[in-house]
Amino acid sequence: MNVLKPRLKTTVETLLDKGISQREIHRKTGISRKTIRRYERLYNLTPPEENEHSKSPTLPGVATGSLVQPGQNPPPRPPAQEYIVAKHASSACEPHRKWIEEQLRLGRNAMAIYQDLVELFGFSHHYNSVKRFVRKLRRKDPHQYDRLEFLPGEEGQVDYGAGASTLCDNGRYRRTRLFVMVLKYSCRAFRKVVWRSSKEAWGRLHEEAFRYFGGCPQYISLDNLKEGVIKPDIYDPDLNVLYAAVLSHYGVVADPARVNDANRKGTVENAVKHTQDTALKGRRFESIEAQNDWLMHWEERWAALRIHGRAKRQVEEMFQEERPYLAQLPLTPFRYFKQGTRTVYDDGTIQVDNSYYAAAPAPLCSKVVVRIYDHEIQILDPLKMEVIRRHPKSRRRGSLMMAPGDRIFNPSRQTDRLLAQAEIIGPHTFSAHQGRPPALSQNGPSGAGPPGHIGSNLSLFGMRVSASTVLGKDSFTPQLPTGFSDTRPQRKRSWPSAGYPQPCREGALQGAGRLPRQILELPLSKGLGVVQPGSNPARSRGLAASEQVWPDRG
């Protein structure tokens, strides 16, 4: 027992004699209540009974009949054999216990009860007495947990944890990430450690677990980690696109737990802790492969053969019962991809990894969804998520994956292509056709098929007439291509030759088998560029197809 100084002893004795509570004495003097209680038991202090007939009443703390004169310190009493509760030990609220209990069942707090005690019963004590009394009466109900039972092959639970220290490539030991998937019915688990997690690594770990079990459960319960859930929601969570595609490929449904509700998947939480405390604690590994080999050995040798604490059965035995109920695995593994959003350029292409791909029929300047596989590029409609185009993935930077039919119509490009084809055919290919050539459309000259096609209307006739006009050839003899015949009488036609470079006219008059390169370099950017006889060719280049002037038939 702590020995107090004489002045403190006297203070404690005086306060106890006046009926002050131990809590109040502790608040005023700072002496521990245990010490105060021991001194109270030692002296067995009780309020003295005053005798009005006594001229010298007994002093406090002095035994009756002792020879100790007044003014002297009394000898200490021996410790009391029985614990006697002083009158101040009982609460002042004890007479109102029944009424206070009824108020607590109504959910009222201590302040409200104290106020009613004062008004209804004339309670004269302090609020702290009511607060302490209410605290003793109020009991907290223990948390209740429902035992979740599942059918064989119904649910699997997944979670991450911290693995053991493993030697890295830089020569230092670093913690790994422990992935655990547990089948709820049999508690059979798959464990593997990885250096870091990602969306693709998360999906591949699921695939390995499914193939390790030899089948898939109906649904997976998981946390709201970003690899699996983008936006948590009780009824409609927003899953990661890649993770949702992996589960859809294997026919599994994701069931994310509520936020901060780890008890929903308590089986895998216990499995992670069991692995850390039993299989990995106190161990170090020289490589991540060695740690995975040890986890597989520990699962087969110890974890699978243990007797489950709640089921009282062997885990491997329950797993053999559950295995036939697992869904069959698909024949082909899942093809992983990276998904993003692209904007269609004004030329009808999108850019993916420094290469360009045709996005038709997606509208220009619209947003499309792109999935990048190892050897393929898929373009999807962002609303319906349906594939609208597929392209082989280009391995060359800056390449353009576009078919000729996907190009947007450009008069300058079509004219250059037709002139190039005319140069290969010869100078007199279309001279037999006399008439106005059909107007160019997006698919080439109308009635003539694709650009460059030799049809009944001879779509390149206008190009030949333009070329002859530009060359300034005074007359030419029509010459049909092989396979064509013409019974109409041949005529000579004179064309103006002023205003054109002399080398062009000389090259044409010499009857060269190919068109001069100057023809292909003419800046024909807005139309066919047919020159009206006697006009400035620089003005006629910009005429539209409907505004071109053709010479009358002579």
Protein backbone atom coordinates (compact mmCIF):
# COMPACT_ATOMS: atom_id res chain seq x y z
CA MET A 1 0.00 0.00 0.00
CA ASN A 2 1.21 3.46 -0.82
CA VAL A 3 2.18 5.39 2.33
CA LEU A 4 0.80 8.89 2.33
CA LYS A 5 2.25 11.85 4.04
CA PRO A 6 0.63 12.76 7.36
CA ARG A 7 -1.15 15.78 5.97
CA LEU A 8 -2.63 13.75 3.12
CA LYS A 9 -3.72 11.02 5.52
CA THR A 10 -5.52 13.58 7.62
CA THR A 11 -7.16 15.05 4.53
CA VAL A 12 -8.41 11.67 3.36
CA GLU A 13 -9.72 10.77 6.80
CA THR A 14 -11.53 14.07 7.16
CA LEU A 15 -13.16 13.86 3.75
CA LEU A 16 -14.21 10.24 4.25
CA ASP A 17 -15.67 11.12 7.66
CA LYS A 18 -17.80 13.82 6.06
CA GLY A 19 -19.25 11.32 3.60
CA ILE A 20 -17.41 12.53 0.49
CA SER A 21 -17.22 9.87 -2.21
CA GLN A 22 -13.97 8.32 -3.31
CA ARG A 23 -14.33 9.80 -6.79
CA GLU A 24 -14.74 13.31 -5.37
CA ILE A 25 -11.75 12.87 -3.04
CA HIS A 26 -9.67 11.71 -5.99
CA ARG A 27 -10.74 14.74 -8.01
CA LYS A 28 -9.83 17.16 -5.20
CA THR A 29 -6.60 15.63 -3.90
CA GLY A 30 -5.29 13.64 -6.87
CA ILE A 31 -4.84 10.53 -4.70
CA SER A 32 -5.62 7.24 -6.38
CA ARG A 33 -9.01 5.78 -5.56
CA LYS A 34 -7.39 2.45 -4.79
CA THR A 35 -5.29 4.14 -2.10
CA ILE A 36 -8.34 5.94 -0.73
CA ARG A 37 -10.25 2.66 -0.65
CA ARG A 38 -7.47 0.92 1.25
CA TYR A 39 -7.30 3.65 3.89
CA GLU A 40 -11.07 3.44 4.22
CA ARG A 41 -10.86 -0.30 4.86
CA LEU A 42 -7.91 0.17 7.20
CA TYR A 43 -9.60 2.66 9.49
CA ASN A 44 -13.18 1.47 8.88
CA LEU A 45 -14.31 5.01 9.05
CA THR A 46 -18.02 5.52 9.69
CA PRO A 47 -19.79 8.72 10.65
CA PRO A 48 -19.84 9.05 14.46
CA GLU A 49 -23.10 8.97 16.32
CA GLU A 50 -23.36 12.11 18.37
CA ASN A 51 -24.47 11.67 21.95
CA GLU A 52 -26.17 14.75 23.19
CA HIS A 53 -25.63 13.71 26.80
CA SER A 54 -21.89 13.24 26.32
CA LYS A 55 -19.78 16.19 27.27
CA SER A 56 -16.70 14.89 25.49
CA PRO A 57 -17.78 13.09 22.36
CA THR A 58 -15.47 10.56 20.78
CA LEU A 59 -13.09 12.08 18.34
CA PRO A 60 -13.17 10.79 14.76
CA GLY A 61 -10.93 7.82 14.25
CA VAL A 62 -10.51 7.14 17.98
CA ALA A 63 -11.68 3.85 19.39
CA THR A 64 -14.09 4.02 22.28
CA GLY A 65 -12.52 3.25 25.62
CA SER A 66 -8.95 3.91 24.56
CA LEU A 67 -6.59 5.72 26.81
CA VAL A 68 -5.49 8.08 24.15
CA GLN A 69 -5.92 11.64 25.27
CA PRO A 70 -7.51 14.18 23.00
CA GLY A 71 -5.03 15.90 20.74
CA GLN A 72 -2.88 12.78 20.31
CA ASN A 73 -2.66 10.73 17.11
CA PRO A 74 -4.66 7.51 17.53
CA PRO A 75 -2.92 4.20 16.91
CA PRO A 76 -3.73 2.57 13.57
CA ARG A 77 -6.48 0.01 13.59
CA PRO A 78 -5.88 -3.50 12.30
CA PRO A 79 -7.26 -4.30 8.82
CA ALA A 80 -10.93 -5.13 8.77
CA GLN A 81 -11.75 -8.74 8.11
CA GLU A 82 -14.99 -8.05 6.28
CA TYR A 83 -15.60 -5.50 3.60
CA ILE A 84 -18.17 -3.01 4.80
CA VAL A 85 -19.73 -0.82 2.17
CA ALA A 86 -19.97 2.75 3.27
CA LYS A 87 -23.23 4.56 2.91
CA HIS A 88 -21.90 6.69 0.07
CA ALA A 89 -21.03 3.60 -2.06
CA SER A 90 -24.60 3.14 -3.39
CA SER A 91 -25.79 5.43 -6.18
CA ALA A 92 -28.31 8.14 -5.53
CA CYS A 93 -30.23 6.87 -8.57
CA GLU A 94 -30.83 3.42 -7.06
CA PRO A 95 -34.37 4.26 -5.83
CA HIS A 96 -35.32 5.15 -9.41
CA ARG A 97 -33.72 2.10 -11.11
CA LYS A 98 -36.93 0.68 -12.53
CA TRP A 99 -38.01 3.99 -14.03
CA ILE A 100 -34.54 4.63 -15.50
CA GLU A 101 -34.47 1.17 -17.11
CA GLU A 102 -37.79 1.88 -18.82
CA GLN A 103 -36.41 5.15 -20.16
CA LEU A 104 -33.31 3.40 -21.51
CA ARG A 105 -35.47 0.91 -23.39
CA LEU A 106 -37.07 3.90 -25.09
CA GLY A 107 -33.64 5.01 -26.30
CA ARG A 108 -33.35 8.16 -24.15
CA ASN A 109 -29.93 9.49 -23.17
CA ALA A 110 -28.59 10.29 -19.70
CA MET A 111 -29.22 14.05 -19.94
CA ALA A 112 -32.89 13.58 -20.76
CA ILE A 113 -33.27 11.12 -17.88
CA TYR A 114 -31.56 13.53 -15.48
CA GLN A 115 -33.84 16.40 -16.47
CA ASP A 116 -36.97 14.29 -15.91
CA LEU A 117 -35.63 13.06 -12.57
CA VAL A 118 -35.27 16.64 -11.40
CA GLU A 119 -38.71 17.70 -12.60
CA LEU A 120 -40.72 14.59 -11.72
CA PHE A 121 -39.00 13.25 -8.61
CA GLY A 122 -37.15 16.27 -7.22
CA PHE A 123 -33.75 14.70 -7.79
CA SER A 124 -31.17 16.81 -5.94
CA HIS A 125 -27.92 15.16 -7.00
CA HIS A 126 -25.65 16.00 -9.89
CA TYR A 127 -25.85 14.88 -13.49
CA ASN A 128 -22.66 12.80 -13.12
CA SER A 129 -24.48 10.43 -10.76
CA VAL A 130 -27.11 9.77 -13.41
CA LYS A 131 -24.49 9.38 -16.13
CA ARG A 132 -22.50 6.77 -14.18
CA PHE A 133 -25.65 4.88 -13.24
CA VAL A 134 -26.90 4.82 -16.83
CA ARG A 135 -23.50 3.63 -18.07
CA LYS A 136 -23.74 0.57 -15.83
CA LEU A 137 -27.26 -0.26 -16.95
CA ARG A 138 -26.61 0.16 -20.64
CA ARG A 139 -25.23 -2.98 -22.23
CA LYS A 140 -23.98 -3.30 -25.79
CA ASP A 141 -25.39 -6.19 -27.75
CA PRO A 142 -22.67 -8.32 -29.38
CA HIS A 143 -22.38 -8.27 -33.17
CA GLN A 144 -24.38 -10.99 -34.82
CA TYR A 145 -23.13 -12.76 -37.93
CA ASP A 146 -25.16 -15.05 -40.13
CA ARG A 147 -23.48 -18.20 -41.36
CA LEU A 148 -23.53 -18.18 -45.18
CA GLU A 149 -24.01 -21.58 -46.75
CA PHE A 150 -23.46 -22.21 -50.46
CA LEU A 151 -24.06 -25.08 -52.83
CA PRO A 152 -21.16 -26.89 -54.53
CA GLY A 153 -19.74 -24.86 -57.40
CA GLU A 154 -21.83 -21.82 -56.56
CA GLU A 155 -19.37 -19.19 -55.30
CA GLY A 156 -15.68 -18.40 -55.31
CA GLN A 157 -13.98 -15.60 -53.39
CA VAL A 158 -10.83 -13.71 -54.38
CA ASP A 159 -8.58 -11.25 -52.60
CA TYR A 160 -5.06 -9.86 -52.48
CA GLY A 161 -2.62 -9.96 -49.58
CA ALA A 162 1.05 -9.41 -48.82
CA GLY A 163 3.43 -12.22 -49.70
CA ALA A 164 6.83 -13.12 -48.28
CA SER A 165 10.05 -11.21 -48.90
CA THR A 166 11.61 -12.23 -52.20
CA LEU A 167 14.93 -11.34 -53.80
CA CYS A 168 14.56 -8.87 -56.69
CA ASP A 169 16.77 -8.35 -59.69
CA ASN A 170 18.45 -5.38 -57.97
CA GLY A 171 19.69 -7.61 -55.15
CA ARG A 172 17.19 -6.41 -52.54
CA TYR A 173 14.34 -8.23 -50.88
CA ARG A 174 10.86 -6.94 -51.54
CA ARG A 175 7.34 -7.99 -50.61
CA THR A 176 5.21 -9.66 -53.26
CA ARG A 177 1.46 -9.56 -53.77
CA LEU A 178 -0.37 -12.73 -52.77
CA PHE A 179 -3.43 -13.71 -54.82
CA VAL A 180 -5.86 -16.20 -53.26
CA MET A 181 -9.02 -17.70 -54.74
CA VAL A 182 -11.14 -19.95 -52.51
CA LEU A 183 -14.11 -22.13 -53.43
CA LYS A 184 -16.73 -21.38 -50.79
CA TYR A 185 -18.16 -24.88 -50.43
CA SER A 186 -14.94 -26.89 -50.05
CA CYS A 187 -12.53 -24.10 -49.01
CA ARG A 188 -10.00 -25.40 -51.55
CA ALA A 189 -7.69 -22.52 -52.48
CA PHE A 190 -5.39 -21.40 -55.28
CA ARG A 191 -2.44 -19.24 -54.24
CA LYS A 192 0.11 -17.38 -56.34
CA VAL A 193 2.37 -14.37 -55.82
CA VAL A 194 3.21 -11.66 -58.37
CA TRP A 195 5.46 -8.63 -58.26
CA ARG A 196 2.80 -6.10 -59.17
CA SER A 197 -0.86 -6.09 -60.06
CA SER A 198 -2.56 -4.75 -63.18
CA LYS A 199 -5.81 -5.27 -65.04
CA GLU A 200 -4.24 -7.92 -67.24
CA ALA A 201 -2.43 -9.63 -64.34
CA TRP A 202 -5.70 -9.71 -62.36
CA GLY A 203 -7.49 -11.43 -65.23
CA ARG A 204 -4.68 -13.93 -65.89
CA LEU A 205 -4.64 -14.95 -62.22
CA HIS A 206 -8.35 -15.74 -62.47
CA GLU A 207 -7.69 -17.85 -65.56
CA GLU A 208 -4.95 -19.82 -63.81
CA ALA A 209 -7.20 -20.42 -60.82
CA PHE A 210 -10.05 -21.69 -63.02
CA ARG A 211 -7.70 -24.09 -64.80
CA TYR A 212 -6.20 -25.23 -61.49
CA PHE A 213 -9.65 -26.16 -60.16
CA GLY A 214 -10.67 -27.70 -63.49
CA GLY A 215 -13.79 -25.54 -63.79
CA CYS A 216 -15.47 -22.27 -62.90
CA PRO A 217 -17.91 -21.33 -60.12
CA GLN A 218 -21.12 -19.52 -60.94
CA TYR A 219 -20.00 -16.18 -59.55
CA ILE A 220 -17.04 -14.52 -57.89
CA SER A 221 -17.15 -12.36 -54.76
CA LEU A 222 -14.42 -9.70 -54.67
CA ASP A 223 -13.38 -6.42 -53.12
CA ASN A 224 -13.87 -3.07 -54.85
CA LEU A 225 -10.29 -2.83 -56.06
CA LYS A 226 -9.63 -0.90 -59.28
CA GLU A 227 -8.49 -3.98 -61.19
CA GLY A 228 -12.03 -5.33 -60.91
CA VAL A 229 -14.47 -2.53 -60.04
CA ILE A 230 -14.23 1.03 -61.34
CA LYS A 231 -17.24 2.48 -59.48
CA PRO A 232 -18.77 0.57 -56.54
CA ASP A 233 -22.54 0.31 -56.37
CA ILE A 234 -24.85 -1.99 -54.45
CA TYR A 235 -27.11 -2.82 -57.39
CA ASP A 236 -25.18 -1.96 -60.57
CA PRO A 237 -21.41 -1.70 -60.05
CA ASP A 238 -19.26 -0.45 -62.92
CA LEU A 239 -16.80 -3.27 -63.64
CA ASN A 240 -13.48 -2.93 -65.37
CA VAL A 241 -13.94 -3.61 -69.09
CA LEU A 242 -11.15 -6.16 -69.35
CA TYR A 243 -12.18 -7.98 -66.16
CA ALA A 244 -15.80 -8.12 -67.28
CA ALA A 245 -14.70 -9.55 -70.64
CA VAL A 246 -12.60 -12.24 -68.92
CA LEU A 247 -15.49 -13.35 -66.69
CA SER A 248 -17.90 -13.28 -69.64
CA HIS A 249 -15.55 -15.53 -71.62
CA TYR A 250 -15.64 -18.10 -68.80
CA GLY A 251 -19.36 -17.65 -68.01
CA VAL A 252 -18.79 -16.24 -64.49
CA VAL A 253 -20.67 -13.36 -62.86
CA ALA A 254 -18.93 -10.82 -60.60
CA ASP A 255 -20.51 -10.04 -57.21
CA PRO A 256 -18.57 -7.16 -55.59
CA ALA A 257 -18.97 -6.82 -51.84
CA ARG A 258 -20.17 -3.62 -50.25
CA VAL A 259 -17.61 -1.01 -49.31
CA ASN A 260 -15.99 -1.74 -45.92
CA ASP A 261 -17.84 -5.05 -45.66
CA ALA A 262 -15.05 -7.61 -45.57
CA ASN A 263 -17.19 -10.11 -43.65
CA ARG A 264 -19.16 -10.80 -46.85
CA LYS A 265 -16.13 -12.72 -48.11
CA GLY A 266 -14.72 -13.85 -44.81
CA THR A 267 -13.61 -17.22 -46.20
CA VAL A 268 -10.94 -15.74 -48.44
CA GLU A 269 -9.97 -13.21 -45.75
CA ASN A 270 -9.24 -16.11 -43.40
CA ALA A 271 -7.44 -17.98 -46.18
CA VAL A 272 -5.11 -15.02 -46.79
CA LYS A 273 -4.33 -14.75 -43.08
CA HIS A 274 -3.86 -18.52 -42.81
CA THR A 275 -1.39 -18.44 -45.70
CA GLN A 276 0.57 -15.53 -44.25
CA ASP A 277 0.75 -16.92 -40.70
CA THR A 278 1.40 -20.57 -41.52
CA ALA A 279 3.01 -20.91 -44.94
CA LEU A 280 4.98 -17.68 -45.37
CA LYS A 281 5.73 -16.19 -41.98
CA GLY A 282 9.45 -16.07 -41.19
CA ARG A 283 10.46 -17.25 -44.68
CA ARG A 284 12.51 -15.63 -47.43
CA PHE A 285 12.76 -16.74 -51.01
CA GLU A 286 15.48 -16.23 -53.58
CA SER A 287 13.02 -15.95 -56.48
CA ILE A 288 9.33 -15.53 -57.07
CA GLU A 289 9.22 -18.92 -58.78
CA ALA A 290 10.56 -20.56 -55.64
CA GLN A 291 7.82 -18.92 -53.55
CA ASN A 292 5.11 -20.10 -55.94
CA ASP A 293 6.51 -23.64 -55.91
CA TRP A 294 6.48 -23.63 -52.11
CA LEU A 295 2.88 -22.38 -51.99
CA MET A 296 1.77 -25.11 -54.38
CA HIS A 297 3.58 -27.77 -52.32
CA TRP A 298 2.13 -26.43 -49.06
CA GLU A 299 -1.39 -26.45 -50.49
CA GLU A 300 -1.15 -30.05 -51.73
CA ARG A 301 0.73 -31.41 -48.70
CA TRP A 302 -0.89 -29.58 -45.80
CA ALA A 303 -3.73 -27.16 -46.57
CA ALA A 304 -5.79 -29.50 -48.75
CA LEU A 305 -5.41 -32.44 -46.34
CA ARG A 306 -6.36 -30.55 -43.19
CA ILE A 307 -9.64 -31.06 -41.34
CA HIS A 308 -11.71 -27.91 -41.68
CA GLY A 309 -12.51 -26.39 -38.30
CA ARG A 310 -16.16 -25.60 -38.96
CA ALA A 311 -17.15 -28.38 -41.37
CA LYS A 312 -15.17 -31.04 -39.44
CA ARG A 313 -14.30 -32.67 -42.76
CA GLN A 314 -11.21 -32.88 -44.95
CA VAL A 315 -10.88 -30.09 -47.48
CA GLU A 316 -9.75 -32.38 -50.30
CA GLU A 317 -12.72 -34.67 -49.73
CA MET A 318 -15.16 -31.76 -49.99
CA PHE A 319 -13.37 -30.50 -53.11
CA GLN A 320 -13.84 -33.85 -54.86
CA GLU A 321 -17.56 -33.54 -54.12
CA GLU A 322 -17.66 -30.00 -55.50
CA ARG A 323 -15.56 -30.57 -58.62
CA PRO A 324 -18.32 -32.13 -60.80
CA TYR A 325 -20.51 -29.06 -60.20
CA LEU A 326 -17.98 -26.59 -61.58
CA ALA A 327 -18.74 -25.18 -65.04
CA GLN A 328 -16.66 -26.48 -67.94
CA LEU A 329 -13.78 -24.38 -69.24
CA PRO A 330 -13.93 -22.92 -72.76
CA LEU A 331 -11.76 -24.52 -75.43
CA THR A 332 -9.79 -21.39 -76.25
CA PRO A 333 -8.11 -19.04 -73.76
CA PHE A 334 -9.14 -15.42 -73.50
CA ARG A 335 -7.50 -12.92 -75.85
CA TYR A 336 -6.33 -9.92 -73.85
CA PHE A 337 -6.59 -6.43 -75.24
CA LYS A 338 -6.13 -2.78 -74.40
CA GLN A 339 -9.17 -0.58 -74.86
CA GLY A 340 -9.24 3.12 -75.57
CA THR A 341 -11.17 5.88 -77.30
CA ARG A 342 -10.13 7.54 -80.56
CA THR A 343 -11.47 10.38 -82.69
CA VAL A 344 -12.02 9.81 -86.41
CA TYR A 345 -9.90 12.25 -88.43
CA ASP A 346 -11.25 14.23 -91.37
CA ASP A 347 -9.69 11.71 -93.77
CA GLY A 348 -11.68 8.84 -92.21
CA THR A 349 -8.81 7.28 -90.24
CA ILE A 350 -7.85 6.83 -86.59
CA GLN A 351 -4.38 6.68 -85.08
CA VAL A 352 -3.29 3.69 -83.02
CA ASP A 353 0.35 3.30 -81.95
CA ASN A 354 1.80 5.60 -84.63
CA SER A 355 -0.17 3.86 -87.41
CA TYR A 356 -3.39 4.85 -89.15
CA TYR A 357 -6.45 2.67 -89.79
CA ALA A 358 -9.62 3.28 -91.78
CA ALA A 359 -12.63 3.79 -89.48
CA ALA A 360 -15.46 3.74 -92.06
CA PRO A 361 -18.47 3.55 -91.64
CA ALA A 362 -17.88 5.67 -88.49
CA PRO A 363 -18.74 9.35 -89.15
CA LEU A 364 -15.97 11.90 -89.36
CA CYS A 365 -14.94 13.63 -86.10
CA SER A 366 -16.88 11.07 -84.04
CA LYS A 367 -15.65 9.01 -81.08
CA VAL A 368 -15.05 5.28 -81.50
CA VAL A 369 -13.86 2.56 -79.12
CA VAL A 370 -10.67 0.77 -80.11
CA ARG A 371 -9.51 -2.61 -78.82
CA ILE A 372 -5.86 -3.39 -79.43
CA TYR A 373 -5.01 -7.09 -79.56
CA ASP A 374 -1.64 -8.68 -80.21
CA HIS A 375 -2.28 -9.10 -83.94
CA GLU A 376 -5.53 -7.25 -84.58
CA ILE A 377 -7.20 -3.87 -84.21
CA GLN A 378 -10.97 -3.75 -83.63
CA ILE A 379 -13.08 -0.61 -83.98
CA LEU A 380 -16.37 -0.64 -82.05
CA ASP A 381 -19.47 1.50 -81.97
CA PRO A 382 -19.39 3.29 -78.57
CA LEU A 383 -23.17 3.01 -78.11
CA LYS A 384 -23.85 -0.59 -79.12
CA MET A 385 -20.30 -1.87 -78.47
CA GLU A 386 -20.44 -3.80 -81.74
CA VAL A 387 -17.42 -4.33 -83.96
CA ILE A 388 -17.65 -2.22 -87.14
CA ARG A 389 -14.13 -2.70 -88.55
CA ARG A 390 -11.23 -5.08 -88.14
CA HIS A 391 -7.65 -4.50 -89.25
CA PRO A 392 -4.47 -6.52 -88.94
CA LYS A 393 -2.12 -4.77 -86.54
CA SER A 394 0.59 -2.86 -88.39
CA ARG A 395 4.21 -3.33 -87.32
CA ARG A 396 5.57 -0.34 -89.24
CA ARG A 397 5.43 3.17 -87.86
CA GLY A 398 3.44 5.67 -89.90
CA SER A 399 1.76 3.02 -92.09
CA LEU A 400 -1.78 3.48 -93.43
CA MET A 401 -4.22 0.56 -93.38
CA MET A 402 -6.90 1.73 -95.83
CA ALA A 403 -8.48 0.04 -98.84
CA PRO A 404 -9.03 2.13 -102.02
CA GLY A 405 -12.78 2.01 -101.48
CA ASP A 406 -12.41 3.60 -98.03
CA ARG A 407 -10.79 6.76 -99.35
CA ILE A 408 -12.88 9.91 -99.32
CA PHE A 409 -13.53 11.22 -102.87
CA ASN A 410 -11.07 13.87 -103.93
CA PRO A 411 -11.27 15.23 -107.53
CA SER A 412 -7.57 15.99 -107.66
CA ARG A 413 -6.64 12.48 -106.56
CA GLN A 414 -9.07 10.88 -109.04
CA THR A 415 -7.79 13.02 -111.90
CA ASP A 416 -4.19 12.13 -111.18
CA ARG A 417 -5.05 8.45 -111.08
CA LEU A 418 -6.93 8.60 -114.37
CA LEU A 419 -4.11 10.48 -116.04
CA ALA A 420 -1.62 7.90 -114.79
CA GLN A 421 -3.71 5.10 -116.29
CA ALA A 422 -4.09 7.02 -119.54
CA GLU A 423 -0.34 7.41 -119.72
CA ILE A 424 0.07 3.65 -119.53
CA ILE A 425 -2.62 2.93 -122.18
CA GLY A 426 -1.33 5.24 -124.88
CA PRO A 427 -2.00 8.61 -126.51
CA HIS A 428 -4.85 7.58 -128.87
CA THR A 429 -6.84 5.17 -126.68
CA PHE A 430 -10.06 7.15 -126.40
CA SER A 431 -9.94 9.25 -129.56
CA ALA A 432 -12.75 7.27 -131.19
CA HIS A 433 -15.37 8.34 -128.64
CA GLN A 434 -16.72 11.76 -129.57
CA GLY A 435 -18.94 13.35 -127.00
CA ARG A 436 -19.01 14.82 -123.56
CA PRO A 437 -17.55 12.49 -120.91
CA PRO A 438 -19.74 11.58 -117.99
CA ALA A 439 -19.41 13.58 -114.79
CA LEU A 440 -17.23 12.23 -112.04
CA SER A 441 -18.91 10.90 -108.93
CA GLN A 442 -17.64 9.44 -105.76
CA ASN A 443 -17.35 5.99 -107.37
CA GLY A 444 -15.80 7.29 -110.58
CA PRO A 445 -17.48 8.45 -113.81
CA SER A 446 -21.14 7.51 -113.95
CA GLY A 447 -21.89 4.61 -116.23
CA ALA A 448 -18.23 3.69 -116.46
CA GLY A 449 -17.64 1.73 -113.23
CA PRO A 450 -14.64 2.43 -111.07
CA PRO A 451 -12.09 5.04 -112.16
CA GLY A 452 -9.90 3.66 -114.92
CA HIS A 453 -12.43 1.10 -116.12
CA ILE A 454 -12.85 0.94 -119.90
CA GLY A 455 -16.63 0.73 -120.30
CA SER A 456 -19.14 1.48 -123.02
CA ASN A 457 -18.85 5.22 -122.39
CA LEU A 458 -15.02 5.17 -122.30
CA SER A 459 -14.63 7.13 -119.10
CA LEU A 460 -11.14 8.36 -119.91
CA PHE A 461 -12.17 10.04 -123.12
CA GLY A 462 -12.44 13.41 -121.39
CA MET A 463 -8.92 12.98 -120.07
CA ARG A 464 -7.60 12.23 -123.53
CA VAL A 465 -9.37 15.26 -125.03
CA SER A 466 -8.00 17.44 -122.26
CA ALA A 467 -4.53 16.04 -122.77
CA SER A 468 -4.71 16.63 -126.51
CA THR A 469 -5.91 20.17 -125.92
CA VAL A 470 -3.16 20.90 -123.42
CA LEU A 471 -0.52 19.48 -125.72
CA GLY A 472 -1.71 21.77 -128.47
CA LYS A 473 -1.89 19.01 -131.10
CA ASP A 474 -3.60 20.39 -134.21
CA SER A 475 -5.04 17.09 -135.30
CA PHE A 476 -4.93 13.47 -134.28
CA THR A 477 -6.13 10.21 -135.71
CA PRO A 478 -8.54 8.31 -133.47
CA GLN A 479 -7.25 4.90 -132.49
CA LEU A 480 -9.37 2.45 -130.49
CA PRO A 481 -7.93 0.05 -127.98
CA THR A 482 -7.66 -3.60 -128.79
CA GLY A 483 -11.09 -5.21 -128.90
CA PHE A 484 -12.99 -2.03 -129.85
CA SER A 485 -14.39 -1.28 -133.31
CA ASP A 486 -15.87 1.90 -134.72
CA THR A 487 -17.75 2.19 -138.03
CA ARG A 488 -18.19 5.95 -137.89
CA PRO A 489 -16.24 8.04 -140.42
CA GLN A 490 -12.99 9.42 -139.06
CA ARG A 491 -12.57 13.19 -139.04
CA LYS A 492 -9.75 15.51 -138.36
CA ARG A 493 -10.22 18.20 -135.78
CA SER A 494 -8.11 21.27 -135.20
CA TRP A 495 -7.41 22.48 -131.70
CA PRO A 496 -5.80 25.74 -130.59
CA SER A 497 -2.28 25.34 -129.37
CA ALA A 498 -1.47 28.78 -128.07
CA GLY A 499 -0.57 29.36 -124.45
CA TYR A 500 1.14 26.02 -123.68
CA PRO A 501 4.81 25.21 -123.26
CA GLN A 502 6.62 24.36 -126.45
CA PRO A 503 8.17 21.14 -125.13
CA CYS A 504 4.71 19.73 -124.45
CA ARG A 505 3.50 20.42 -127.99
CA GLU A 506 6.66 19.02 -129.54
CA GLY A 507 6.44 15.88 -127.45
CA ALA A 508 2.89 15.30 -128.55
CA LEU A 509 3.60 16.08 -132.24
CA GLN A 510 6.40 13.56 -132.18
CA GLY A 511 3.80 10.89 -131.34
CA ALA A 512 5.34 9.74 -128.07
CA GLY A 513 3.87 6.53 -126.74
CA ARG A 514 3.37 8.03 -123.23
CA LEU A 515 1.98 11.31 -122.02
CA PRO A 516 4.60 13.82 -120.95
CA ARG A 517 5.16 14.06 -117.19
CA GLN A 518 4.02 17.71 -117.30
CA ILE A 519 0.45 16.48 -117.74
CA LEU A 520 0.57 14.61 -114.44
CA GLU A 521 2.01 17.62 -112.66
CA LEU A 522 -0.75 20.04 -113.62
CA PRO A 523 -2.46 21.45 -110.51
CA LEU A 524 -5.92 20.11 -111.26
CA SER A 525 -7.41 20.38 -107.80
CA LYS A 526 -11.06 21.28 -108.24
CA GLY A 527 -12.29 19.67 -111.41
CA LEU A 528 -11.49 17.75 -114.53
CA GLY A 529 -9.57 20.69 -115.92
CA VAL A 530 -10.89 20.58 -119.50
CA VAL A 531 -9.73 23.53 -121.56
CA GLN A 532 -12.17 25.37 -123.73
CA PRO A 533 -10.85 26.14 -127.21
CA GLY A 534 -9.53 29.66 -127.42
CA SER A 535 -9.59 30.24 -123.64
CA ASN A 536 -6.92 30.61 -121.02
CA PRO A 537 -6.21 27.18 -119.55
CA ALA A 538 -5.40 28.66 -116.15
CA ARG A 539 -9.02 29.83 -115.83
CA SER A 540 -10.64 26.65 -117.01
CA ARG A 541 -8.85 24.42 -114.49
CA GLY A 542 -11.17 25.48 -111.70
CA LEU A 543 -14.43 24.79 -113.56
CA ALA A 544 -16.70 22.17 -112.11
CA ALA A 545 -17.77 19.18 -114.15
CA SER A 546 -21.17 20.75 -114.90
CA GLU A 547 -19.55 24.04 -116.05
CA GLN A 548 -17.02 22.59 -118.48
CA VAL A 549 -17.40 23.72 -122.10
CA TRP A 550 -16.91 21.14 -124.81
CA PRO A 551 -16.44 21.86 -128.55
CA ASP A 552 -19.32 21.20 -130.87
CA ARG A 553 -19.15 18.16 -133.04
CA GLY A 554 -17.96 19.17 -136.46
